[in-house]
PDB file of N, CA and C in Angstrom:
ATOM      1  N   MET A   1       0.833  -1.172   0.000  1.00  0.00           N
ATOM      2  CA  MET A   1       0.000   0.000   0.000  1.00  0.00           C
ATOM      3  C   MET A   1       0.888   1.249   0.000  1.00  0.00           C
ATOM      4  N   LEU A   2       0.596   2.185  -0.882  1.00  0.00           N
ATOM      5  CA  LEU A   2       1.372   3.421  -0.979  1.00  0.00           C
ATOM      6  C   LEU A   2       0.868   4.431   0.037  1.00  0.00           C
ATOM      7  N   MET A   3       1.818   5.087   0.695  1.00  0.00           N
ATOM      8  CA  MET A   3       1.452   6.122   1.663  1.00  0.00           C
ATOM      9  C   MET A   3       1.476   7.473   0.963  1.00  0.00           C
ATOM     10  N   LYS A   4       0.499   8.288   1.241  1.00  0.00           N
ATOM     11  CA  LYS A   4       0.437   9.620   0.652  1.00  0.00           C
ATOM     12  C   LYS A   4       1.463  10.521   1.345  1.00  0.00           C
ATOM     13  N   SER A   5       2.212  11.260   0.564  1.00  0.00           N
ATOM     14  CA  SER A   5       3.214  12.165   1.111  1.00  0.00           C
ATOM     15  C   SER A   5       2.551  13.306   1.868  1.00  0.00           C
ATOM     16  N   LYS A   6       3.169  13.712   2.967  1.00  0.00           N
ATOM     17  CA  LYS A   6       2.640  14.827   3.747  1.00  0.00           C
ATOM     18  C   LYS A   6       3.138  16.162   3.185  1.00  0.00           C
ATOM     19  N   GLN A   7       4.030  16.104   2.214  1.00  0.00           N
ATOM     20  CA  GLN A   7       4.569  17.322   1.619  1.00  0.00           C
ATOM     21  C   GLN A   7       3.485  18.037   0.832  1.00  0.00           C
ATOM     22  N   ARG A   8       3.348  19.330   1.058  1.00  0.00           N
ATOM     23  CA  ARG A   8       2.359  20.124   0.334  1.00  0.00           C
ATOM     24  C   ARG A   8       3.028  20.743  -0.880  1.00  0.00           C
ATOM     25  N   LEU A   9       2.447  20.549  -2.032  1.00  0.00           N
ATOM     26  CA  LEU A   9       3.033  21.029  -3.278  1.00  0.00           C
ATOM     27  C   LEU A   9       2.183  22.130  -3.893  1.00  0.00           C
ATOM     28  N   GLY A  10       2.823  22.955  -4.715  1.00  0.00           N
ATOM     29  CA  GLY A  10       2.106  23.983  -5.453  1.00  0.00           C
ATOM     30  C   GLY A  10       1.381  24.963  -4.563  1.00  0.00           C
ATOM     31  N   ASN A  11       0.153  25.294  -4.902  1.00  0.00           N
ATOM     32  CA  ASN A  11      -0.628  26.278  -4.164  1.00  0.00           C
ATOM     33  C   ASN A  11      -0.928  25.856  -2.733  1.00  0.00           C
ATOM     34  N   ASP A  12      -0.828  24.561  -2.412  1.00  0.00           N
ATOM     35  CA  ASP A  12      -1.074  24.090  -1.051  1.00  0.00           C
ATOM     36  C   ASP A  12       0.110  24.363  -0.125  1.00  0.00           C
ATOM     37  N   ASN A  13       1.265  24.691  -0.693  1.00  0.00           N
ATOM     38  CA  ASN A  13       2.453  24.979   0.087  1.00  0.00           C
ATOM     39  C   ASN A  13       2.429  26.446   0.513  1.00  0.00           C
ATOM     40  N   GLY A  14       2.644  26.726   1.789  1.00  0.00           N
ATOM     41  CA  GLY A  14       2.610  28.082   2.303  1.00  0.00           C
ATOM     42  C   GLY A  14       3.709  28.978   1.761  1.00  0.00           C
ATOM     43  N   ARG A  15       4.787  28.408   1.222  1.00  0.00           N
ATOM     44  CA  ARG A  15       5.887  29.198   0.665  1.00  0.00           C
ATOM     45  C   ARG A  15       5.728  29.449  -0.831  1.00  0.00           C
ATOM     46  N   TRP A  16       4.668  28.962  -1.417  1.00  0.00           N
ATOM     47  CA  TRP A  16       4.438  29.075  -2.852  1.00  0.00           C
ATOM     48  C   TRP A  16       3.799  30.416  -3.159  1.00  0.00           C
ATOM     49  N   ILE A  17       4.526  31.305  -3.833  1.00  0.00           N
ATOM     50  CA  ILE A  17       4.029  32.647  -4.118  1.00  0.00           C
ATOM     51  C   ILE A  17       4.160  32.909  -5.612  1.00  0.00           C
ATOM     52  N   GLY A  18       3.064  33.077  -6.291  1.00  0.00           N
ATOM     53  CA  GLY A  18       3.087  33.439  -7.706  1.00  0.00           C
ATOM     54  C   GLY A  18       3.809  32.451  -8.597  1.00  0.00           C
ATOM     55  N   GLY A  19       3.710  31.179  -8.314  1.00  0.00           N
ATOM     56  CA  GLY A  19       4.313  30.174  -9.181  1.00  0.00           C
ATOM     57  C   GLY A  19       5.723  29.776  -8.802  1.00  0.00           C
ATOM     58  N   LYS A  20       6.299  30.401  -7.771  1.00  0.00           N
ATOM     59  CA  LYS A  20       7.640  30.030  -7.309  1.00  0.00           C
ATOM     60  C   LYS A  20       7.638  29.959  -5.800  1.00  0.00           C
ATOM     61  N   SER A  21       8.525  29.154  -5.285  1.00  0.00           N
ATOM     62  CA  SER A  21       8.685  29.053  -3.846  1.00  0.00           C
ATOM     63  C   SER A  21       9.375  30.311  -3.337  1.00  0.00           C
ATOM     64  N   SER A  22       9.000  30.777  -2.141  1.00  0.00           N
ATOM     65  CA  SER A  22       9.599  32.000  -1.609  1.00  0.00           C
ATOM     66  C   SER A  22      11.060  31.802  -1.221  1.00  0.00           C
ATOM     67  N   ASP A  23      11.535  30.557  -1.148  1.00  0.00           N
ATOM     68  CA  ASP A  23      12.949  30.337  -0.857  1.00  0.00           C
ATOM     69  C   ASP A  23      13.724  29.927  -2.114  1.00  0.00           C
ATOM     70  N   TYR A  24      13.192  30.253  -3.267  1.00  0.00           N
ATOM     71  CA  TYR A  24      13.796  29.911  -4.558  1.00  0.00           C
ATOM     72  C   TYR A  24      15.226  30.433  -4.675  1.00  0.00           C
ATOM     73  N   GLN A  25      15.452  31.712  -4.332  1.00  0.00           N
ATOM     74  CA  GLN A  25      16.787  32.298  -4.441  1.00  0.00           C
ATOM     75  C   GLN A  25      17.762  31.612  -3.485  1.00  0.00           C
ATOM     76  N   ARG A  26      17.303  31.237  -2.320  1.00  0.00           N
ATOM     77  CA  ARG A  26      18.169  30.573  -1.345  1.00  0.00           C
ATOM     78  C   ARG A  26      18.600  29.199  -1.866  1.00  0.00           C
ATOM     79  N   ARG A  27      17.695  28.497  -2.530  1.00  0.00           N
ATOM     80  CA  ARG A  27      18.049  27.186  -3.078  1.00  0.00           C
ATOM     81  C   ARG A  27      19.028  27.319  -4.229  1.00  0.00           C
ATOM     82  N   ILE A  28      18.872  28.337  -5.083  1.00  0.00           N
ATOM     83  CA  ILE A  28      19.768  28.538  -6.220  1.00  0.00           C
ATOM     84  C   ILE A  28      21.199  28.782  -5.750  1.00  0.00           C
ATOM     85  N   THR A  29      21.346  29.590  -4.688  1.00  0.00           N
ATOM     86  CA  THR A  29      22.673  29.983  -4.216  1.00  0.00           C
ATOM     87  C   THR A  29      23.203  29.101  -3.095  1.00  0.00           C
ATOM     88  N   ASN A  30      22.437  28.112  -2.671  1.00  0.00           N
ATOM     89  CA  ASN A  30      22.826  27.232  -1.563  1.00  0.00           C
ATOM     90  C   ASN A  30      23.118  28.027  -0.295  1.00  0.00           C
ATOM     91  N   ALA A  31      22.297  29.014   0.003  1.00  0.00           N
ATOM     92  CA  ALA A  31      22.489  29.867   1.173  1.00  0.00           C
ATOM     93  C   ALA A  31      22.193  29.094   2.455  1.00  0.00           C
ATOM     94  N   LYS A  32      23.034  29.319   3.433  1.00  0.00           N
ATOM     95  CA  LYS A  32      22.869  28.697   4.738  1.00  0.00           C
ATOM     96  C   LYS A  32      22.123  29.667   5.658  1.00  0.00           C
ATOM     97  N   PRO A  33      21.602  29.188   6.780  1.00  0.00           N
ATOM     98  CA  PRO A  33      20.951  30.097   7.732  1.00  0.00           C
ATOM     99  C   PRO A  33      21.918  31.202   8.154  1.00  0.00           C
ATOM    100  N   GLY A  34      21.435  32.415   8.230  1.00  0.00           N
ATOM    101  CA  GLY A  34      22.263  33.563   8.583  1.00  0.00           C
ATOM    102  C   GLY A  34      22.799  34.313   7.379  1.00  0.00           C
ATOM    103  N   GLU A  35      22.756  33.681   6.205  1.00  0.00           N
ATOM    104  CA  GLU A  35      23.200  34.341   4.972  1.00  0.00           C
ATOM    105  C   GLU A  35      22.006  34.999   4.296  1.00  0.00           C
ATOM    106  N   LEU A  36      22.270  36.098   3.612  1.00  0.00           N
ATOM    107  CA  LEU A  36      21.221  36.852   2.947  1.00  0.00           C
ATOM    108  C   LEU A  36      21.480  36.842   1.450  1.00  0.00           C
ATOM    109  N   ILE A  37      20.431  36.925   0.648  1.00  0.00           N
ATOM    110  CA  ILE A  37      20.569  36.951  -0.810  1.00  0.00           C
ATOM    111  C   ILE A  37      20.264  38.354  -1.305  1.00  0.00           C
ATOM    112  N   HIS A  38      21.168  38.897  -2.102  1.00  0.00           N
ATOM    113  CA  HIS A  38      21.035  40.248  -2.660  1.00  0.00           C
ATOM    114  C   HIS A  38      20.961  40.150  -4.178  1.00  0.00           C
ATOM    115  N   HIS A  39      20.021  40.883  -4.792  1.00  0.00           N
ATOM    116  CA  HIS A  39      19.931  40.961  -6.253  1.00  0.00           C
ATOM    117  C   HIS A  39      20.827  42.108  -6.708  1.00  0.00           C
ATOM    118  N   LYS A  40      21.856  41.799  -7.479  1.00  0.00           N
ATOM    119  CA  LYS A  40      22.844  42.804  -7.887  1.00  0.00           C
ATOM    120  C   LYS A  40      22.219  43.947  -8.671  1.00  0.00           C
ATOM    121  N   ASP A  41      21.231  43.656  -9.511  1.00  0.00           N
ATOM    122  CA  ASP A  41      20.607  44.722 -10.309  1.00  0.00           C
ATOM    123  C   ASP A  41      19.376  45.322  -9.621  1.00  0.00           C
ATOM    124  N   HIS A  42      19.120  44.957  -8.357  1.00  0.00           N
ATOM    125  CA  HIS A  42      18.014  45.457  -7.536  1.00  0.00           C
ATOM    126  C   HIS A  42      16.634  45.101  -8.091  1.00  0.00           C
ATOM    127  N   ASN A  43      16.562  44.156  -9.028  1.00  0.00           N
ATOM    128  CA  ASN A  43      15.294  43.706  -9.604  1.00  0.00           C
ATOM    129  C   ASN A  43      14.972  42.342  -8.996  1.00  0.00           C
ATOM    130  N   ARG A  44      13.984  42.291  -8.097  1.00  0.00           N
ATOM    131  CA  ARG A  44      13.691  41.068  -7.367  1.00  0.00           C
ATOM    132  C   ARG A  44      13.115  39.961  -8.235  1.00  0.00           C
ATOM    133  N   SER A  45      12.689  40.262  -9.442  1.00  0.00           N
ATOM    134  CA  SER A  45      12.164  39.207 -10.308  1.00  0.00           C
ATOM    135  C   SER A  45      13.248  38.639 -11.222  1.00  0.00           C
ATOM    136  N   HIS A  46      14.453  39.197 -11.193  1.00  0.00           N
ATOM    137  CA  HIS A  46      15.567  38.723 -12.012  1.00  0.00           C
ATOM    138  C   HIS A  46      16.381  37.736 -11.176  1.00  0.00           C
ATOM    139  N   ASN A  47      16.023  36.450 -11.267  1.00  0.00           N
ATOM    140  CA  ASN A  47      16.572  35.432 -10.380  1.00  0.00           C
ATOM    141  C   ASN A  47      17.617  34.534 -11.023  1.00  0.00           C
ATOM    142  N   LEU A  48      18.392  35.059 -11.960  1.00  0.00           N
ATOM    143  CA  LEU A  48      19.490  34.262 -12.501  1.00  0.00           C
ATOM    144  C   LEU A  48      20.586  34.162 -11.456  1.00  0.00           C
ATOM    145  N   LYS A  49      21.268  33.029 -11.416  1.00  0.00           N
ATOM    146  CA  LYS A  49      22.326  32.834 -10.422  1.00  0.00           C
ATOM    147  C   LYS A  49      23.404  33.909 -10.542  1.00  0.00           C
ATOM    148  N   SER A  50      23.668  34.377 -11.767  1.00  0.00           N
ATOM    149  CA  SER A  50      24.684  35.413 -11.972  1.00  0.00           C
ATOM    150  C   SER A  50      24.268  36.759 -11.386  1.00  0.00           C
ATOM    151  N   ASN A  51      22.980  36.959 -11.124  1.00  0.00           N
ATOM    152  CA  ASN A  51      22.479  38.211 -10.559  1.00  0.00           C
ATOM    153  C   ASN A  51      22.319  38.148  -9.042  1.00  0.00           C
ATOM    154  N   LEU A  52      22.455  36.974  -8.459  1.00  0.00           N
ATOM    155  CA  LEU A  52      22.260  36.801  -7.027  1.00  0.00           C
ATOM    156  C   LEU A  52      23.600  36.767  -6.313  1.00  0.00           C
ATOM    157  N   GLN A  53      23.674  37.467  -5.180  1.00  0.00           N
ATOM    158  CA  GLN A  53      24.897  37.522  -4.398  1.00  0.00           C
ATOM    159  C   GLN A  53      24.573  37.093  -2.976  1.00  0.00           C
ATOM    160  N   LYS A  54      25.358  36.158  -2.457  1.00  0.00           N
ATOM    161  CA  LYS A  54      25.182  35.683  -1.095  1.00  0.00           C
ATOM    162  C   LYS A  54      25.954  36.610  -0.161  1.00  0.00           C
ATOM    163  N   LEU A  55      25.280  37.169   0.841  1.00  0.00           N
ATOM    164  CA  LEU A  55      25.935  38.028   1.822  1.00  0.00           C
ATOM    165  C   LEU A  55      26.056  37.253   3.125  1.00  0.00           C
ATOM    166  N   THR A  56      27.287  37.107   3.602  1.00  0.00           N
ATOM    167  CA  THR A  56      27.530  36.359   4.829  1.00  0.00           C
ATOM    168  C   THR A  56      28.014  37.305   5.918  1.00  0.00           C
ATOM    169  N   PRO A  57      27.652  37.040   7.168  1.00  0.00           N
ATOM    170  CA  PRO A  57      28.138  37.881   8.250  1.00  0.00           C
ATOM    171  C   PRO A  57      29.637  37.683   8.442  1.00  0.00           C
ATOM    172  N   GLY A  58      30.317  38.727   8.849  1.00  0.00           N
ATOM    173  CA  GLY A  58      31.749  38.625   9.102  1.00  0.00           C
ATOM    174  C   GLY A  58      32.357  39.974   9.402  1.00  0.00           C
ATOM    175  N   ASN A  59      33.526  39.978  10.028  1.00  0.00           N
ATOM    176  CA  ASN A  59      34.239  41.201  10.401  1.00  0.00           C
ATOM    177  C   ASN A  59      33.378  42.130  11.245  1.00  0.00           C
ATOM    178  N   GLY A  60      32.559  41.575  12.106  1.00  0.00           N
ATOM    179  CA  GLY A  60      31.725  42.372  12.996  1.00  0.00           C
ATOM    180  C   GLY A  60      30.504  42.987  12.335  1.00  0.00           C
ATOM    181  N   ILE A  61      30.224  42.625  11.083  1.00  0.00           N
ATOM    182  CA  ILE A  61      29.063  43.166  10.368  1.00  0.00           C
ATOM    183  C   ILE A  61      28.110  42.023  10.057  1.00  0.00           C
ATOM    184  N   THR A  62      26.843  42.221  10.359  1.00  0.00           N
ATOM    185  CA  THR A  62      25.848  41.192  10.061  1.00  0.00           C
ATOM    186  C   THR A  62      25.548  41.186   8.560  1.00  0.00           C
ATOM    187  N   ALA A  63      24.920  40.127   8.097  1.00  0.00           N
ATOM    188  CA  ALA A  63      24.520  40.045   6.690  1.00  0.00           C
ATOM    189  C   ALA A  63      23.512  41.145   6.371  1.00  0.00           C
ATOM    190  N   ILE A  64      22.646  41.468   7.332  1.00  0.00           N
ATOM    191  CA  ILE A  64      21.664  42.536   7.120  1.00  0.00           C
ATOM    192  C   ILE A  64      22.371  43.879   6.981  1.00  0.00           C
ATOM    193  N   GLY A  65      23.402  44.097   7.788  1.00  0.00           N
ATOM    194  CA  GLY A  65      24.178  45.329   7.685  1.00  0.00           C
ATOM    195  C   GLY A  65      24.851  45.461   6.325  1.00  0.00           C
ATOM    196  N   LYS A  66      25.393  44.352   5.819  1.00  0.00           N
ATOM    197  CA  LYS A  66      26.008  44.375   4.484  1.00  0.00           C
ATOM    198  C   LYS A  66      24.956  44.660   3.416  1.00  0.00           C
ATOM    199  N   HIS A  67      23.767  44.092   3.589  1.00  0.00           N
ATOM    200  CA  HIS A  67      22.702  44.316   2.623  1.00  0.00           C
ATOM    201  C   HIS A  67      22.243  45.771   2.649  1.00  0.00           C
ATOM    202  N   ASN A  68      22.173  46.369   3.832  1.00  0.00           N
ATOM    203  CA  ASN A  68      21.799  47.778   3.934  1.00  0.00           C
ATOM    204  C   ASN A  68      22.819  48.674   3.236  1.00  0.00           C
ATOM    205  N   LYS A  69      24.103  48.322   3.304  1.00  0.00           N
ATOM    206  CA  LYS A  69      25.131  49.103   2.611  1.00  0.00           C
ATOM    207  C   LYS A  69      24.978  48.984   1.099  1.00  0.00           C
ATOM    208  N   ALA A  70      24.426  47.867   0.632  1.00  0.00           N
ATOM    209  CA  ALA A  70      24.207  47.688  -0.809  1.00  0.00           C
ATOM    210  C   ALA A  70      23.008  48.491  -1.301  1.00  0.00           C
ATOM    211  N   HIS A  71      22.198  49.001  -0.377  1.00  0.00           N
ATOM    212  CA  HIS A  71      21.002  49.784  -0.726  1.00  0.00           C
ATOM    213  C   HIS A  71      21.033  51.160  -0.047  1.00  0.00           C
ATOM    214  N   PRO A  72      21.976  52.033  -0.403  1.00  0.00           N
ATOM    215  CA  PRO A  72      22.017  53.356   0.245  1.00  0.00           C
ATOM    216  C   PRO A  72      20.779  54.197  -0.055  1.00  0.00           C
ATOM    217  N   GLU A  73      20.082  53.902  -1.147  1.00  0.00           N
ATOM    218  CA  GLU A  73      18.882  54.663  -1.497  1.00  0.00           C
ATOM    219  C   GLU A  73      17.749  54.450  -0.505  1.00  0.00           C
ATOM    220  N   LYS A  74      17.825  53.410   0.312  1.00  0.00           N
ATOM    221  CA  LYS A  74      16.773  53.122   1.286  1.00  0.00           C
ATOM    222  C   LYS A  74      17.124  53.640   2.676  1.00  0.00           C
ATOM    223  N   GLY A  75      18.220  54.366   2.793  1.00  0.00           N
ATOM    224  CA  GLY A  75      18.669  54.867   4.091  1.00  0.00           C
ATOM    225  C   GLY A  75      17.909  56.076   4.547  1.00  0.00           C
ATOM    226  N   LYS A  76      18.520  56.827   5.458  1.00  0.00           N
ATOM    227  CA  LYS A  76      17.886  58.015   6.038  1.00  0.00           C
ATOM    228  C   LYS A  76      17.678  59.081   4.977  1.00  0.00           C
ATOM    229  N   LYS A  77      16.589  59.827   5.149  1.00  0.00           N
ATOM    230  CA  LYS A  77      16.280  60.903   4.202  1.00  0.00           C
ATOM    231  C   LYS A  77      16.674  62.240   4.761  1.00  0.00           C
TER     232      LYS A  77
END
C-alpha cells in the first residue's frame, strides 16, 4: 500500500508565491541560515544565479548590515 506524502506542493504549500517558492533564491545559491541573498541589479524578479549575491556575516558586520550598505537609497532621508 502506498502512503500519501505529507509534503504540500504547489498552491497548497505556504511558501508558494506566484508560481515560485519564496525560498527559490536561497536554493539557487545554496544559502545557509544567517546568509542573505542580494539581487545585484536590484530587480527582485531577475533570479538568474549570476544576478544573485550571497551576503555572509563577518568582520563584525551582520549580513543585514552588508545588505543595507548595498542599498544606500533606502537609508535616512
